[in-house]
Amino acid sequence: MLKPYSRTFIIENMAAKLKKSKIPKSKSEQIDEIQAAIDYGIDIAMLIDNINRDPSDRIRRHQMALNTAEKLRKAKHK
């Protein structure tokens, strides 16, 4: 389970609320939400860059990061 104030938890809750919303957001509301994410510390440029990648490239990059994290975890326990 995600911690209540983790970034992932907050982003998933924001996404769920947006999906439930039937009223389209105005351009200024969208900009305000993006600015709030930036102010919180979310790297919007990285998200946009990732969206523009092919799904296979995103999966490959994720696997590389996962492999690195696993190696670091194992090294910590040696």
PDB file of N, CA and C in Angstrom:
ATOM      1  N   MET A   1       0.841  -1.186   0.000  1.00  0.00           N
ATOM      2  CA  MET A   1       0.000   0.000   0.000  1.00  0.00           C
ATOM      3  C   MET A   1       0.884   1.247   0.000  1.00  0.00           C
ATOM      4  N   LEU A   2       0.443   2.243  -0.718  1.00  0.00           N
ATOM      5  CA  LEU A   2       1.214   3.480  -0.811  1.00  0.00           C
ATOM      6  C   LEU A   2       1.046   4.316   0.440  1.00  0.00           C
ATOM      7  N   LYS A   3       2.099   5.017   0.819  1.00  0.00           N
ATOM      8  CA  LYS A   3       2.014   5.926   1.954  1.00  0.00           C
ATOM      9  C   LYS A   3       1.112   7.093   1.564  1.00  0.00           C
ATOM     10  N   PRO A   4       0.267   7.584   2.500  1.00  0.00           N
ATOM     11  CA  PRO A   4      -0.732   8.609   2.163  1.00  0.00           C
ATOM     12  C   PRO A   4      -0.173   9.879   1.534  1.00  0.00           C
ATOM     13  N   TYR A   5       1.065  10.248   1.811  1.00  0.00           N
ATOM     14  CA  TYR A   5       1.580  11.485   1.252  1.00  0.00           C
ATOM     15  C   TYR A   5       2.774  11.276   0.333  1.00  0.00           C
ATOM     16  N   SER A   6       2.906  10.071  -0.205  1.00  0.00           N
ATOM     17  CA  SER A   6       3.968   9.845  -1.180  1.00  0.00           C
ATOM     18  C   SER A   6       3.555  10.495  -2.494  1.00  0.00           C
ATOM     19  N   ARG A   7       4.528  10.839  -3.311  1.00  0.00           N
ATOM     20  CA  ARG A   7       4.224  11.473  -4.596  1.00  0.00           C
ATOM     21  C   ARG A   7       3.351  10.586  -5.458  1.00  0.00           C
ATOM     22  N   THR A   8       3.644   9.285  -5.466  1.00  0.00           N
ATOM     23  CA  THR A   8       2.864   8.364  -6.282  1.00  0.00           C
ATOM     24  C   THR A   8       1.415   8.351  -5.826  1.00  0.00           C
ATOM     25  N   PHE A   9       1.195   8.325  -4.518  1.00  0.00           N
ATOM     26  CA  PHE A   9      -0.153   8.329  -3.970  1.00  0.00           C
ATOM     27  C   PHE A   9      -0.894   9.583  -4.400  1.00  0.00           C
ATOM     28  N   ILE A  10      -0.240  10.722  -4.294  1.00  0.00           N
ATOM     29  CA  ILE A  10      -0.868  12.000  -4.646  1.00  0.00           C
ATOM     30  C   ILE A  10      -1.187  12.042  -6.134  1.00  0.00           C
ATOM     31  N   ILE A  11      -0.252  11.614  -6.974  1.00  0.00           N
ATOM     32  CA  ILE A  11      -0.474  11.637  -8.422  1.00  0.00           C
ATOM     33  C   ILE A  11      -1.613  10.697  -8.799  1.00  0.00           C
ATOM     34  N   GLU A  12      -1.641   9.490  -8.213  1.00  0.00           N
ATOM     35  CA  GLU A  12      -2.715   8.550  -8.537  1.00  0.00           C
ATOM     36  C   GLU A  12      -4.070   9.088  -8.085  1.00  0.00           C
ATOM     37  N   ASN A  13      -4.113   9.737  -6.926  1.00  0.00           N
ATOM     38  CA  ASN A  13      -5.371  10.329  -6.472  1.00  0.00           C
ATOM     39  C   ASN A  13      -5.806  11.465  -7.379  1.00  0.00           C
ATOM     40  N   MET A  14      -4.855  12.289  -7.817  1.00  0.00           N
ATOM     41  CA  MET A  14      -5.191  13.371  -8.744  1.00  0.00           C
ATOM     42  C   MET A  14      -5.734  12.803 -10.046  1.00  0.00           C
ATOM     43  N   ALA A  15      -5.106  11.749 -10.552  1.00  0.00           N
ATOM     44  CA  ALA A  15      -5.547  11.131 -11.805  1.00  0.00           C
ATOM     45  C   ALA A  15      -6.946  10.539 -11.651  1.00  0.00           C
ATOM     46  N   ALA A  16      -7.212   9.891 -10.519  1.00  0.00           N
ATOM     47  CA  ALA A  16      -8.534   9.311 -10.285  1.00  0.00           C
ATOM     48  C   ALA A  16      -9.599  10.402 -10.226  1.00  0.00           C
ATOM     49  N   LYS A  17      -9.292  11.507  -9.578  1.00  0.00           N
ATOM     50  CA  LYS A  17     -10.250  12.606  -9.503  1.00  0.00           C
ATOM     51  C   LYS A  17     -10.509  13.203 -10.875  1.00  0.00           C
ATOM     52  N   LEU A  18      -9.462  13.323 -11.692  1.00  0.00           N
ATOM     53  CA  LEU A  18      -9.646  13.864 -13.035  1.00  0.00           C
ATOM     54  C   LEU A  18     -10.499  12.938 -13.892  1.00  0.00           C
ATOM     55  N   LYS A  19     -10.327  11.621 -13.740  1.00  0.00           N
ATOM     56  CA  LYS A  19     -11.121  10.674 -14.512  1.00  0.00           C
ATOM     57  C   LYS A  19     -12.601  10.762 -14.138  1.00  0.00           C
ATOM     58  N   LYS A  20     -12.886  10.999 -12.844  1.00  0.00           N
ATOM     59  CA  LYS A  20     -14.262  11.087 -12.382  1.00  0.00           C
ATOM     60  C   LYS A  20     -14.928  12.389 -12.826  1.00  0.00           C
ATOM     61  N   SER A  21     -14.122  13.417 -13.045  1.00  0.00           N
ATOM     62  CA  SER A  21     -14.643  14.728 -13.406  1.00  0.00           C
ATOM     63  C   SER A  21     -15.195  14.699 -14.824  1.00  0.00           C
ATOM     64  N   LYS A  22     -16.460  15.093 -14.978  1.00  0.00           N
ATOM     65  CA  LYS A  22     -17.108  15.115 -16.293  1.00  0.00           C
ATOM     66  C   LYS A  22     -16.943  16.479 -16.957  1.00  0.00           C
ATOM     67  N   ILE A  23     -16.635  17.498 -16.161  1.00  0.00           N
ATOM     68  CA  ILE A  23     -16.527  18.853 -16.680  1.00  0.00           C
ATOM     69  C   ILE A  23     -15.100  19.085 -17.168  1.00  0.00           C
ATOM     70  N   PRO A  24     -14.948  19.464 -18.447  1.00  0.00           N
ATOM     71  CA  PRO A  24     -13.586  19.727 -18.925  1.00  0.00           C
ATOM     72  C   PRO A  24     -12.968  20.903 -18.180  1.00  0.00           C
ATOM     73  N   LYS A  25     -11.699  20.796 -17.909  1.00  0.00           N
ATOM     74  CA  LYS A  25     -10.978  21.844 -17.203  1.00  0.00           C
ATOM     75  C   LYS A  25     -10.664  22.991 -18.166  1.00  0.00           C
ATOM     76  N   SER A  26     -10.739  24.207 -17.648  1.00  0.00           N
ATOM     77  CA  SER A  26     -10.345  25.356 -18.455  1.00  0.00           C
ATOM     78  C   SER A  26      -8.828  25.355 -18.569  1.00  0.00           C
ATOM     79  N   LYS A  27      -8.322  26.084 -19.528  1.00  0.00           N
ATOM     80  CA  LYS A  27      -6.875  26.156 -19.741  1.00  0.00           C
ATOM     81  C   LYS A  27      -6.164  26.698 -18.493  1.00  0.00           C
ATOM     82  N   SER A  28      -6.761  27.692 -17.848  1.00  0.00           N
ATOM     83  CA  SER A  28      -6.123  28.270 -16.658  1.00  0.00           C
ATOM     84  C   SER A  28      -6.120  27.277 -15.495  1.00  0.00           C
ATOM     85  N   GLU A  29      -7.177  26.449 -15.371  1.00  0.00           N
ATOM     86  CA  GLU A  29      -7.193  25.426 -14.313  1.00  0.00           C
ATOM     87  C   GLU A  29      -6.124  24.372 -14.571  1.00  0.00           C
ATOM     88  N   GLN A  30      -5.946  23.999 -15.845  1.00  0.00           N
ATOM     89  CA  GLN A  30      -4.920  23.022 -16.186  1.00  0.00           C
ATOM     90  C   GLN A  30      -3.539  23.578 -15.856  1.00  0.00           C
ATOM     91  N   ILE A  31      -3.316  24.840 -16.204  1.00  0.00           N
ATOM     92  CA  ILE A  31      -2.027  25.466 -15.932  1.00  0.00           C
ATOM     93  C   ILE A  31      -1.786  25.550 -14.426  1.00  0.00           C
ATOM     94  N   ASP A  32      -2.839  25.871 -13.651  1.00  0.00           N
ATOM     95  CA  ASP A  32      -2.706  25.935 -12.197  1.00  0.00           C
ATOM     96  C   ASP A  32      -2.326  24.573 -11.617  1.00  0.00           C
ATOM     97  N   GLU A  33      -2.924  23.502 -12.133  1.00  0.00           N
ATOM     98  CA  GLU A  33      -2.613  22.161 -11.632  1.00  0.00           C
ATOM     99  C   GLU A  33      -1.189  21.756 -12.003  1.00  0.00           C
ATOM    100  N   ILE A  34      -0.774  22.102 -13.206  1.00  0.00           N
ATOM    101  CA  ILE A  34       0.600  21.804 -13.617  1.00  0.00           C
ATOM    102  C   ILE A  34       1.581  22.578 -12.749  1.00  0.00           C
ATOM    103  N   GLN A  35       1.282  23.854 -12.499  1.00  0.00           N
ATOM    104  CA  GLN A  35       2.166  24.667 -11.653  1.00  0.00           C
ATOM    105  C   GLN A  35       2.219  24.110 -10.234  1.00  0.00           C
ATOM    106  N   ALA A  36       1.082  23.623  -9.724  1.00  0.00           N
ATOM    107  CA  ALA A  36       1.057  23.023  -8.384  1.00  0.00           C
ATOM    108  C   ALA A  36       1.957  21.792  -8.341  1.00  0.00           C
ATOM    109  N   ALA A  37       1.940  20.990  -9.407  1.00  0.00           N
ATOM    110  CA  ALA A  37       2.805  19.806  -9.470  1.00  0.00           C
ATOM    111  C   ALA A  37       4.277  20.223  -9.497  1.00  0.00           C
ATOM    112  N   ILE A  38       4.581  21.247 -10.277  1.00  0.00           N
ATOM    113  CA  ILE A  38       5.964  21.740 -10.351  1.00  0.00           C
ATOM    114  C   ILE A  38       6.400  22.262  -8.992  1.00  0.00           C
ATOM    115  N   ASP A  39       5.531  23.042  -8.340  1.00  0.00           N
ATOM    116  CA  ASP A  39       5.856  23.588  -7.019  1.00  0.00           C
ATOM    117  C   ASP A  39       6.077  22.482  -5.997  1.00  0.00           C
ATOM    118  N   TYR A  40       5.373  21.365  -6.160  1.00  0.00           N
ATOM    119  CA  TYR A  40       5.516  20.234  -5.248  1.00  0.00           C
ATOM    120  C   TYR A  40       6.837  19.502  -5.469  1.00  0.00           C
ATOM    121  N   GLY A  41       7.425  19.694  -6.660  1.00  0.00           N
ATOM    122  CA  GLY A  41       8.715  19.067  -6.944  1.00  0.00           C
ATOM    123  C   GLY A  41       8.668  17.989  -8.014  1.00  0.00           C
ATOM    124  N   ILE A  42       7.553  17.867  -8.692  1.00  0.00           N
ATOM    125  CA  ILE A  42       7.434  16.870  -9.751  1.00  0.00           C
ATOM    126  C   ILE A  42       8.100  17.404 -11.005  1.00  0.00           C
ATOM    127  N   ASP A  43       8.935  16.593 -11.635  1.00  0.00           N
ATOM    128  CA  ASP A  43       9.671  16.986 -12.828  1.00  0.00           C
ATOM    129  C   ASP A  43       8.767  16.808 -14.053  1.00  0.00           C
ATOM    130  N   ILE A  44       8.072  17.871 -14.426  1.00  0.00           N
ATOM    131  CA  ILE A  44       7.142  17.820 -15.547  1.00  0.00           C
ATOM    132  C   ILE A  44       7.877  17.560 -16.861  1.00  0.00           C
ATOM    133  N   ALA A  45       9.055  18.130 -17.021  1.00  0.00           N
ATOM    134  CA  ALA A  45       9.828  17.917 -18.252  1.00  0.00           C
ATOM    135  C   ALA A  45      10.134  16.433 -18.443  1.00  0.00           C
ATOM    136  N   MET A  46      10.469  15.757 -17.345  1.00  0.00           N
ATOM    137  CA  MET A  46      10.756  14.326 -17.428  1.00  0.00           C
ATOM    138  C   MET A  46       9.493  13.546 -17.820  1.00  0.00           C
ATOM    139  N   LEU A  47       8.340  13.934 -17.265  1.00  0.00           N
ATOM    140  CA  LEU A  47       7.086  13.266 -17.611  1.00  0.00           C
ATOM    141  C   LEU A  47       6.758  13.450 -19.092  1.00  0.00           C
ATOM    142  N   ILE A  48       6.909  14.673 -19.579  1.00  0.00           N
ATOM    143  CA  ILE A  48       6.630  14.950 -20.994  1.00  0.00           C
ATOM    144  C   ILE A  48       7.587  14.166 -21.876  1.00  0.00           C
ATOM    145  N   ASP A  49       8.854  14.142 -21.504  1.00  0.00           N
ATOM    146  CA  ASP A  49       9.848  13.388 -22.258  1.00  0.00           C
ATOM    147  C   ASP A  49       9.473  11.906 -22.307  1.00  0.00           C
ATOM    148  N   ASN A  50       9.030  11.376 -21.190  1.00  0.00           N
ATOM    149  CA  ASN A  50       8.652   9.966 -21.120  1.00  0.00           C
ATOM    150  C   ASN A  50       7.414   9.674 -21.962  1.00  0.00           C
ATOM    151  N   ILE A  51       6.451  10.586 -21.951  1.00  0.00           N
ATOM    152  CA  ILE A  51       5.231  10.394 -22.743  1.00  0.00           C
ATOM    153  C   ILE A  51       5.563  10.311 -24.225  1.00  0.00           C
ATOM    154  N   ASN A  52       6.564  11.057 -24.655  1.00  0.00           N
ATOM    155  CA  ASN A  52       6.935  11.076 -26.070  1.00  0.00           C
ATOM    156  C   ASN A  52       7.735   9.853 -26.503  1.00  0.00           C
ATOM    157  N   ARG A  53       8.123   9.011 -25.575  1.00  0.00           N
ATOM    158  CA  ARG A  53       8.877   7.795 -25.912  1.00  0.00           C
ATOM    159  C   ARG A  53       7.923   6.678 -26.350  1.00  0.00           C
ATOM    160  N   ASP A  54       8.470   5.758 -27.139  1.00  0.00           N
ATOM    161  CA  ASP A  54       7.709   4.559 -27.495  1.00  0.00           C
ATOM    162  C   ASP A  54       7.511   3.711 -26.244  1.00  0.00           C
ATOM    163  N   PRO A  55       6.387   2.992 -26.158  1.00  0.00           N
ATOM    164  CA  PRO A  55       6.181   2.120 -24.988  1.00  0.00           C
ATOM    165  C   PRO A  55       7.323   1.128 -24.772  1.00  0.00           C
ATOM    166  N   SER A  56       7.870   0.577 -25.844  1.00  0.00           N
ATOM    167  CA  SER A  56       8.972  -0.384 -25.682  1.00  0.00           C
ATOM    168  C   SER A  56      10.205   0.293 -25.084  1.00  0.00           C
ATOM    169  N   ASP A  57      10.450   1.546 -25.454  1.00  0.00           N
ATOM    170  CA  ASP A  57      11.579   2.283 -24.889  1.00  0.00           C
ATOM    171  C   ASP A  57      11.333   2.576 -23.413  1.00  0.00           C
ATOM    172  N   ARG A  58      10.105   2.917 -23.051  1.00  0.00           N
ATOM    173  CA  ARG A  58       9.782   3.168 -21.631  1.00  0.00           C
ATOM    174  C   ARG A  58       9.984   1.903 -20.809  1.00  0.00           C
ATOM    175  N   ILE A  59       9.563   0.777 -21.351  1.00  0.00           N
ATOM    176  CA  ILE A  59       9.726  -0.500 -20.645  1.00  0.00           C
ATOM    177  C   ILE A  59      11.211  -0.825 -20.484  1.00  0.00           C
ATOM    178  N   ARG A  60      11.995  -0.634 -21.545  1.00  0.00           N
ATOM    179  CA  ARG A  60      13.434  -0.907 -21.496  1.00  0.00           C
ATOM    180  C   ARG A  60      14.115  -0.032 -20.450  1.00  0.00           C
ATOM    181  N   ARG A  61      13.781   1.258 -20.428  1.00  0.00           N
ATOM    182  CA  ARG A  61      14.385   2.178 -19.459  1.00  0.00           C
ATOM    183  C   ARG A  61      13.950   1.823 -18.026  1.00  0.00           C
ATOM    184  N   HIS A  62      12.702   1.432 -17.875  1.00  0.00           N
ATOM    185  CA  HIS A  62      12.226   1.024 -16.548  1.00  0.00           C
ATOM    186  C   HIS A  62      12.989  -0.207 -16.076  1.00  0.00           C
ATOM    187  N   GLN A  63      13.187  -1.170 -16.971  1.00  0.00           N
ATOM    188  CA  GLN A  63      13.902  -2.392 -16.600  1.00  0.00           C
ATOM    189  C   GLN A  63      15.336  -2.090 -16.203  1.00  0.00           C
ATOM    190  N   MET A  64      15.982  -1.151 -16.908  1.00  0.00           N
ATOM    191  CA  MET A  64      17.352  -0.762 -16.550  1.00  0.00           C
ATOM    192  C   MET A  64      17.385  -0.150 -15.148  1.00  0.00           C
ATOM    193  N   ALA A  65      16.425   0.718 -14.852  1.00  0.00           N
ATOM    194  CA  ALA A  65      16.366   1.338 -13.523  1.00  0.00           C
ATOM    195  C   ALA A  65      16.086   0.290 -12.455  1.00  0.00           C
ATOM    196  N   LEU A  66      15.201  -0.640 -12.753  1.00  0.00           N
ATOM    197  CA  LEU A  66      14.880  -1.706 -11.803  1.00  0.00           C
ATOM    198  C   LEU A  66      16.101  -2.583 -11.541  1.00  0.00           C
ATOM    199  N   ASN A  67      16.832  -2.924 -12.585  1.00  0.00           N
ATOM    200  CA  ASN A  67      18.049  -3.724 -12.432  1.00  0.00           C
ATOM    201  C   ASN A  67      19.078  -2.999 -11.565  1.00  0.00           C
ATOM    202  N   THR A  68      19.240  -1.706 -11.801  1.00  0.00           N
ATOM    203  CA  THR A  68      20.187  -0.910 -11.013  1.00  0.00           C
ATOM    204  C   THR A  68      19.774  -0.879  -9.545  1.00  0.00           C
ATOM    205  N   ALA A  69      18.485  -0.651  -9.290  1.00  0.00           N
ATOM    206  CA  ALA A  69      17.992  -0.625  -7.906  1.00  0.00           C
ATOM    207  C   ALA A  69      18.218  -1.969  -7.228  1.00  0.00           C
ATOM    208  N   GLU A  70      18.006  -3.043  -7.957  1.00  0.00           N
ATOM    209  CA  GLU A  70      18.204  -4.386  -7.404  1.00  0.00           C
ATOM    210  C   GLU A  70      19.678  -4.625  -7.074  1.00  0.00           C
ATOM    211  N   LYS A  71      20.580  -4.188  -7.944  1.00  0.00           N
ATOM    212  CA  LYS A  71      22.013  -4.334  -7.677  1.00  0.00           C
ATOM    213  C   LYS A  71      22.417  -3.536  -6.439  1.00  0.00           C
ATOM    214  N   LEU A  72      21.877  -2.328  -6.313  1.00  0.00           N
ATOM    215  CA  LEU A  72      22.184  -1.507  -5.139  1.00  0.00           C
ATOM    216  C   LEU A  72      21.654  -2.145  -3.859  1.00  0.00           C
ATOM    217  N   ARG A  73      20.463  -2.718  -3.936  1.00  0.00           N
ATOM    218  CA  ARG A  73      19.878  -3.382  -2.773  1.00  0.00           C
ATOM    219  C   ARG A  73      20.739  -4.562  -2.352  1.00  0.00           C
ATOM    220  N   LYS A  74      21.177  -5.350  -3.323  1.00  0.00           N
ATOM    221  CA  LYS A  74      22.018  -6.518  -3.015  1.00  0.00           C
ATOM    222  C   LYS A  74      23.364  -6.086  -2.453  1.00  0.00           C
ATOM    223  N   ALA A  75      23.947  -5.022  -3.015  1.00  0.00           N
ATOM    224  CA  ALA A  75      25.240  -4.529  -2.539  1.00  0.00           C
ATOM    225  C   ALA A  75      25.152  -4.035  -1.103  1.00  0.00           C
ATOM    226  N   LYS A  76      24.023  -3.474  -0.735  1.00  0.00           N
ATOM    227  CA  LYS A  76      23.828  -2.971   0.616  1.00  0.00           C
ATOM    228  C   LYS A  76      23.830  -4.103   1.641  1.00  0.00           C
ATOM    229  N   HIS A  77      23.331  -5.262   1.245  1.00  0.00           N
ATOM    230  CA  HIS A  77      23.216  -6.392   2.167  1.00  0.00           C
ATOM    231  C   HIS A  77      24.447  -7.279   2.207  1.00  0.00           C
ATOM    232  N   LYS A  78      25.486  -6.948   1.457  1.00  0.00           N
ATOM    233  CA  LYS A  78      26.719  -7.773   1.466  1.00  0.00           C
ATOM    234  C   LYS A  78      27.606  -7.388   2.598  1.00  0.00           C
TER     235      LYS A  78
END
